[in-house]
PDB file of N, CA and C in Angstrom:
ATOM      1  N   MET A   1       1.129  -0.880   0.002  1.00  0.00           N
ATOM      2  CA  MET A   1      -0.214  -0.101  -0.445  1.00  0.00           C
ATOM      3  C   MET A   1       0.788   1.046   0.344  1.00  0.00           C
ATOM      4  N   PRO A   2       0.529   2.548  -0.918  1.00  0.00           N
ATOM      5  CA  PRO A   2       1.174   3.208  -1.161  1.00  0.00           C
ATOM      6  C   PRO A   2       0.963   4.623   0.201  1.00  0.00           C
ATOM      7  N   SER A   3       1.887   4.837   0.934  1.00  0.00           N
ATOM      8  CA  SER A   3       2.396   6.092   2.017  1.00  0.00           C
ATOM      9  C   SER A   3       0.951   6.860   1.525  1.00  0.00           C
ATOM     10  N   HIS A   4       0.740   6.936   3.559  1.00  0.00           N
ATOM     11  CA  HIS A   4      -0.784   7.995   2.997  1.00  0.00           C
ATOM     12  C   HIS A   4      -0.448   9.288   2.419  1.00  0.00           C
ATOM     13  N   ASP A   5       0.422   9.737   2.848  1.00  0.00           N
ATOM     14  CA  ASP A   5       1.814  11.206   2.369  1.00  0.00           C
ATOM     15  C   ASP A   5       1.420  11.660   0.984  1.00  0.00           C
ATOM     16  N   LEU A   6       1.746  10.530  -0.070  1.00  0.00           N
ATOM     17  CA  LEU A   6       1.321   9.448  -1.311  1.00  0.00           C
ATOM     18  C   LEU A   6      -0.239  10.275  -1.992  1.00  0.00           C
ATOM     19  N   ILE A   7      -0.754   8.670  -1.743  1.00  0.00           N
ATOM     20  CA  ILE A   7      -2.586   9.081  -1.320  1.00  0.00           C
ATOM     21  C   ILE A   7      -3.003  10.235  -1.818  1.00  0.00           C
ATOM     22  N   GLU A   8      -2.067  10.953  -0.163  1.00  0.00           N
ATOM     23  CA  GLU A   8      -3.179  12.453  -0.414  1.00  0.00           C
ATOM     24  C   GLU A   8      -2.893  13.773  -1.730  1.00  0.00           C
ATOM     25  N   LYS A   9      -1.508  13.532  -1.696  1.00  0.00           N
ATOM     26  CA  LYS A   9      -0.838  14.321  -2.653  1.00  0.00           C
ATOM     27  C   LYS A   9      -1.195  14.250  -3.763  1.00  0.00           C
ATOM     28  N   VAL A  10      -1.733  12.505  -4.643  1.00  0.00           N
ATOM     29  CA  VAL A  10      -1.963  12.600  -5.414  1.00  0.00           C
ATOM     30  C   VAL A  10      -4.097  12.458  -5.777  1.00  0.00           C
ATOM     31  N   GLY A  11      -4.458  12.834  -4.713  1.00  0.00           N
ATOM     32  CA  GLY A  11      -5.866  12.624  -4.237  1.00  0.00           C
ATOM     33  C   GLY A  11      -6.110  14.181  -4.670  1.00  0.00           C
ATOM     34  N   SER A  12      -5.034  15.564  -3.985  1.00  0.00           N
ATOM     35  CA  SER A  12      -5.360  16.998  -4.131  1.00  0.00           C
ATOM     36  C   SER A  12      -5.891  17.432  -5.437  1.00  0.00           C
ATOM     37  N   ARG A  13      -4.758  16.530  -5.918  1.00  0.00           N
ATOM     38  CA  ARG A  13      -4.471  16.733  -7.668  1.00  0.00           C
ATOM     39  C   ARG A  13      -5.495  16.453  -8.626  1.00  0.00           C
ATOM     40  N   LEU A  14      -6.358  15.559  -8.151  1.00  0.00           N
ATOM     41  CA  LEU A  14      -7.450  15.145  -9.394  1.00  0.00           C
ATOM     42  C   LEU A  14      -8.201  15.961  -9.125  1.00  0.00           C
ATOM     43  N   PRO A  15      -8.948  16.089 -10.180  1.00  0.00           N
ATOM     44  CA  PRO A  15     -10.274  17.625 -10.489  1.00  0.00           C
ATOM     45  C   PRO A  15     -11.254  17.259  -9.706  1.00  0.00           C
ATOM     46  N   ASP A  16     -12.163  16.478  -9.631  1.00  0.00           N
ATOM     47  CA  ASP A  16     -13.575  16.141  -9.141  1.00  0.00           C
ATOM     48  C   ASP A  16     -13.288  15.010  -8.159  1.00  0.00           C
ATOM     49  N   ASP A  17     -14.774  15.067  -7.121  1.00  0.00           N
ATOM     50  CA  ASP A  17     -14.816  14.151  -6.639  1.00  0.00           C
ATOM     51  C   ASP A  17     -14.998  12.626  -6.749  1.00  0.00           C
ATOM     52  N   PHE A  18     -15.497  11.833  -8.145  1.00  0.00           N
ATOM     53  CA  PHE A  18     -15.694  11.489  -9.248  1.00  0.00           C
ATOM     54  C   PHE A  18     -14.071  10.523  -9.194  1.00  0.00           C
ATOM     55  N   SER A  19     -13.332  10.996  -9.110  1.00  0.00           N
ATOM     56  CA  SER A  19     -11.868  10.408  -9.515  1.00  0.00           C
ATOM     57  C   SER A  19     -11.257  10.543  -7.960  1.00  0.00           C
ATOM     58  N   ARG A  20     -11.534  11.047  -7.463  1.00  0.00           N
ATOM     59  CA  ARG A  20     -10.896  10.923  -5.711  1.00  0.00           C
ATOM     60  C   ARG A  20     -12.074   9.637  -5.194  1.00  0.00           C
ATOM     61  N   ARG A  21     -13.126   9.074  -5.277  1.00  0.00           N
ATOM     62  CA  ARG A  21     -13.552   8.075  -4.973  1.00  0.00           C
ATOM     63  C   ARG A  21     -13.114   6.648  -5.983  1.00  0.00           C
ATOM     64  N   GLN A  22     -12.689   7.386  -6.904  1.00  0.00           N
ATOM     65  CA  GLN A  22     -11.981   6.121  -7.406  1.00  0.00           C
ATOM     66  C   GLN A  22     -11.303   5.865  -7.585  1.00  0.00           C
ATOM     67  N   LEU A  23     -10.175   7.010  -7.006  1.00  0.00           N
ATOM     68  CA  LEU A  23      -8.736   5.935  -6.665  1.00  0.00           C
ATOM     69  C   LEU A  23      -9.121   5.906  -4.775  1.00  0.00           C
ATOM     70  N   ASP A  24     -10.122   6.107  -4.312  1.00  0.00           N
ATOM     71  CA  ASP A  24     -10.309   5.913  -2.830  1.00  0.00           C
ATOM     72  C   ASP A  24     -10.704   4.353  -2.915  1.00  0.00           C
ATOM     73  N   GLY A  25     -11.295   4.398  -4.152  1.00  0.00           N
ATOM     74  CA  GLY A  25     -11.932   2.006  -3.921  1.00  0.00           C
ATOM     75  C   GLY A  25     -10.719   1.741  -5.239  1.00  0.00           C
ATOM     76  N   ALA A  26     -10.019   2.141  -5.445  1.00  0.00           N
ATOM     77  CA  ALA A  26      -8.865   1.958  -6.147  1.00  0.00           C
ATOM     78  C   ALA A  26      -7.972   0.755  -5.033  1.00  0.00           C
ATOM     79  N   LEU A  27      -7.329   2.019  -4.448  1.00  0.00           N
ATOM     80  CA  LEU A  27      -6.804   1.539  -3.036  1.00  0.00           C
ATOM     81  C   LEU A  27      -7.218   0.788  -1.715  1.00  0.00           C
ATOM     82  N   ALA A  28      -9.077   0.857  -1.834  1.00  0.00           N
ATOM     83  CA  ALA A  28      -9.645  -0.218  -0.922  1.00  0.00           C
ATOM     84  C   ALA A  28      -9.562  -1.897  -0.597  1.00  0.00           C
ATOM     85  N   VAL A  29      -9.594  -1.354  -2.092  1.00  0.00           N
ATOM     86  CA  VAL A  29     -10.392  -3.140  -3.164  1.00  0.00           C
ATOM     87  C   VAL A  29      -8.649  -4.064  -2.687  1.00  0.00           C
ATOM     88  N   LEU A  30      -7.357  -3.551  -3.084  1.00  0.00           N
ATOM     89  CA  LEU A  30      -5.766  -3.882  -2.387  1.00  0.00           C
ATOM     90  C   LEU A  30      -5.583  -4.517  -0.789  1.00  0.00           C
ATOM     91  N   THR A  31      -6.781  -4.346  -0.142  1.00  0.00           N
ATOM     92  CA  THR A  31      -7.077  -3.810   1.421  1.00  0.00           C
ATOM     93  C   THR A  31      -7.281  -5.869   1.164  1.00  0.00           C
ATOM     94  N   GLN A  32      -8.473  -5.787   0.199  1.00  0.00           N
ATOM     95  CA  GLN A  32      -9.526  -7.424   0.295  1.00  0.00           C
ATOM     96  C   GLN A  32      -8.383  -9.008   0.491  1.00  0.00           C
ATOM     97  N   GLU A  33      -7.642  -9.237   1.500  1.00  0.00           N
ATOM     98  CA  GLU A  33      -7.195 -10.537   1.555  1.00  0.00           C
ATOM     99  C   GLU A  33      -8.073 -11.173   0.825  1.00  0.00           C
ATOM    100  N   ASN A  34      -8.699 -11.697   1.063  1.00  0.00           N
ATOM    101  CA  ASN A  34      -9.595 -12.421   0.585  1.00  0.00           C
ATOM    102  C   ASN A  34      -9.969 -12.273  -0.257  1.00  0.00           C
ATOM    103  N   ASN A  35     -10.225 -10.925  -1.144  1.00  0.00           N
ATOM    104  CA  ASN A  35     -10.549 -11.264  -2.681  1.00  0.00           C
ATOM    105  C   ASN A  35      -9.416 -11.684  -3.482  1.00  0.00           C
ATOM    106  N   PRO A  36      -9.552 -12.676  -4.640  1.00  0.00           N
ATOM    107  CA  PRO A  36      -8.340 -12.972  -5.405  1.00  0.00           C
ATOM    108  C   PRO A  36      -7.723 -12.619  -6.417  1.00  0.00           C
ATOM    109  N   ALA A  37      -9.477 -11.731  -7.049  1.00  0.00           N
ATOM    110  CA  ALA A  37      -9.720 -11.157  -8.030  1.00  0.00           C
ATOM    111  C   ALA A  37      -9.398  -9.129  -7.607  1.00  0.00           C
ATOM    112  N   ARG A  38      -8.536  -9.203  -5.874  1.00  0.00           N
ATOM    113  CA  ARG A  38      -8.349  -6.953  -5.762  1.00  0.00           C
ATOM    114  C   ARG A  38      -7.430  -7.214  -6.835  1.00  0.00           C
ATOM    115  N   ALA A  39      -6.490  -7.462  -7.410  1.00  0.00           N
ATOM    116  CA  ALA A  39      -5.503  -6.935  -8.094  1.00  0.00           C
ATOM    117  C   ALA A  39      -5.857  -6.704  -9.510  1.00  0.00           C
ATOM    118  N   ASN A  40      -6.318  -6.962 -10.129  1.00  0.00           N
ATOM    119  CA  ASN A  40      -7.693  -7.181 -11.169  1.00  0.00           C
ATOM    120  C   ASN A  40      -8.775  -5.833 -11.050  1.00  0.00           C
ATOM    121  N   GLN A  41      -9.682  -5.916  -9.966  1.00  0.00           N
ATOM    122  CA  GLN A  41     -10.068  -4.815  -9.994  1.00  0.00           C
ATOM    123  C   GLN A  41      -9.853  -3.353  -9.375  1.00  0.00           C
ATOM    124  N   SER A  42      -8.105  -3.526  -8.765  1.00  0.00           N
ATOM    125  CA  SER A  42      -8.203  -2.207  -8.366  1.00  0.00           C
ATOM    126  C   SER A  42      -7.130  -1.731  -9.986  1.00  0.00           C
ATOM    127  N   ALA A  43      -6.480  -3.231 -10.676  1.00  0.00           N
ATOM    128  CA  ALA A  43      -6.016  -2.308 -11.793  1.00  0.00           C
ATOM    129  C   ALA A  43      -7.373  -1.396 -13.026  1.00  0.00           C
ATOM    130  N   SER A  44      -8.531  -2.656 -12.881  1.00  0.00           N
ATOM    131  CA  SER A  44      -9.603  -1.417 -13.528  1.00  0.00           C
ATOM    132  C   SER A  44      -9.360  -0.477 -13.020  1.00  0.00           C
ATOM    133  N   LEU A  45     -10.123  -0.099 -11.796  1.00  0.00           N
ATOM    134  CA  LEU A  45     -10.520   1.527 -11.382  1.00  0.00           C
ATOM    135  C   LEU A  45      -9.042   2.502 -11.602  1.00  0.00           C
ATOM    136  N   PHE A  46      -8.405   1.482 -11.203  1.00  0.00           N
ATOM    137  CA  PHE A  46      -6.826   2.355 -12.036  1.00  0.00           C
ATOM    138  C   PHE A  46      -6.782   3.698 -13.478  1.00  0.00           C
ATOM    139  N   ARG A  47      -7.624   1.752 -14.108  1.00  0.00           N
ATOM    140  CA  ARG A  47      -7.389   2.653 -15.396  1.00  0.00           C
ATOM    141  C   ARG A  47      -8.960   3.524 -15.765  1.00  0.00           C
ATOM    142  N   GLU A  48     -10.251   3.181 -15.244  1.00  0.00           N
ATOM    143  CA  GLU A  48     -10.906   3.899 -15.610  1.00  0.00           C
ATOM    144  C   GLU A  48     -10.781   5.339 -14.739  1.00  0.00           C
ATOM    145  N   LEU A  49     -10.018   5.173 -13.904  1.00  0.00           N
ATOM    146  CA  LEU A  49     -10.098   7.010 -13.248  1.00  0.00           C
ATOM    147  C   LEU A  49      -8.348   8.081 -14.211  1.00  0.00           C
ATOM    148  N   THR A  50      -7.805   7.310 -15.155  1.00  0.00           N
ATOM    149  CA  THR A  50      -6.533   7.516 -15.592  1.00  0.00           C
ATOM    150  C   THR A  50      -7.098   8.236 -16.704  1.00  0.00           C
ATOM    151  N   ALA A  51      -8.715   7.093 -17.056  1.00  0.00           N
ATOM    152  CA  ALA A  51      -9.516   7.589 -18.649  1.00  0.00           C
ATOM    153  C   ALA A  51     -10.081   9.539 -18.355  1.00  0.00           C
ATOM    154  N   HIS A  52     -11.106   8.845 -17.539  1.00  0.00           N
ATOM    155  CA  HIS A  52     -11.955   9.981 -17.538  1.00  0.00           C
ATOM    156  C   HIS A  52     -10.932  11.117 -16.279  1.00  0.00           C
ATOM    157  N   VAL A  53      -9.335  11.250 -16.204  1.00  0.00           N
ATOM    158  CA  VAL A  53      -8.912  12.082 -15.621  1.00  0.00           C
ATOM    159  C   VAL A  53      -8.286  12.366 -17.555  1.00  0.00           C
ATOM    160  N   LEU A  54      -8.549  12.342 -18.281  1.00  0.00           N
ATOM    161  CA  LEU A  54      -7.240  12.697 -19.689  1.00  0.00           C
ATOM    162  C   LEU A  54      -8.217  13.050 -20.519  1.00  0.00           C
ATOM    163  N   ASP A  55      -9.778  12.022 -19.819  1.00  0.00           N
ATOM    164  CA  ASP A  55     -10.658  12.520 -21.152  1.00  0.00           C
ATOM    165  C   ASP A  55     -11.116  14.060 -20.295  1.00  0.00           C
ATOM    166  N   LEU A  56     -11.456  14.624 -18.740  1.00  0.00           N
ATOM    167  CA  LEU A  56     -11.522  16.304 -19.078  1.00  0.00           C
ATOM    168  C   LEU A  56      -9.737  17.175 -19.338  1.00  0.00           C
ATOM    169  N   MET A  57      -9.094  16.200 -19.735  1.00  0.00           N
ATOM    170  CA  MET A  57      -8.206  17.332 -19.840  1.00  0.00           C
ATOM    171  C   MET A  57      -7.877  17.411 -21.089  1.00  0.00           C
ATOM    172  N   ALA A  58      -8.568  16.666 -21.905  1.00  0.00           N
ATOM    173  CA  ALA A  58      -8.195  16.307 -23.116  1.00  0.00           C
ATOM    174  C   ALA A  58      -9.982  16.186 -23.635  1.00  0.00           C
ATOM    175  N   PRO A  59     -10.688  16.521 -23.954  1.00  0.00           N
ATOM    176  CA  PRO A  59     -11.762  15.699 -24.483  1.00  0.00           C
ATOM    177  C   PRO A  59     -11.641  15.963 -25.827  1.00  0.00           C
ATOM    178  N   ASP A  60     -12.299  14.415 -26.635  1.00  0.00           N
ATOM    179  CA  ASP A  60     -12.036  13.411 -27.572  1.00  0.00           C
ATOM    180  C   ASP A  60     -11.679  14.331 -28.438  1.00  0.00           C
ATOM    181  N   ALA A  61     -13.333  15.726 -28.486  1.00  0.00           N
ATOM    182  CA  ALA A  61     -13.515  16.280 -29.669  1.00  0.00           C
ATOM    183  C   ALA A  61     -12.191  17.719 -30.366  1.00  0.00           C
ATOM    184  N   ASP A  62     -11.531  17.662 -28.441  1.00  0.00           N
ATOM    185  CA  ASP A  62     -10.321  19.296 -28.685  1.00  0.00           C
ATOM    186  C   ASP A  62      -9.237  17.640 -29.721  1.00  0.00           C
ATOM    187  N   VAL A  63      -8.669  17.093 -29.369  1.00  0.00           N
ATOM    188  CA  VAL A  63      -8.214  15.619 -29.555  1.00  0.00           C
ATOM    189  C   VAL A  63      -8.456  16.327 -31.623  1.00  0.00           C
ATOM    190  N   MET A  64      -9.263  15.253 -31.269  1.00  0.00           N
ATOM    191  CA  MET A  64      -9.591  15.538 -33.114  1.00  0.00           C
ATOM    192  C   MET A  64      -8.905  16.786 -33.744  1.00  0.00           C
ATOM    193  N   ARG A  65      -9.466  18.121 -32.850  1.00  0.00           N
ATOM    194  CA  ARG A  65     -10.102  19.534 -33.892  1.00  0.00           C
ATOM    195  C   ARG A  65      -8.312  19.263 -33.757  1.00  0.00           C
ATOM    196  N   SER A  66      -7.303  18.477 -33.193  1.00  0.00           N
ATOM    197  CA  SER A  66      -5.480  19.453 -33.122  1.00  0.00           C
ATOM    198  C   SER A  66      -5.063  18.662 -34.176  1.00  0.00           C
ATOM    199  N   PRO A  67      -4.048  19.145 -35.041  1.00  0.00           N
ATOM    200  CA  PRO A  67      -3.321  18.797 -36.743  1.00  0.00           C
ATOM    201  C   PRO A  67      -2.084  18.166 -35.721  1.00  0.00           C
TER     202      PRO A  67
END
């Protein structure tokens, strides 16, 4: 598990509450020792978080209009 300071630093840079909830969920599932799919679920949540943040930063329409 990453340090509390690192988690807070990353969380403070996220653009919205949805992103912060995704981060919390991705980290929380890692602590579920009885969950054999915890790594897969965490990776999936991180993938969705990354896609959400990138979409906010660079919407598809803006990217398609760029040279």
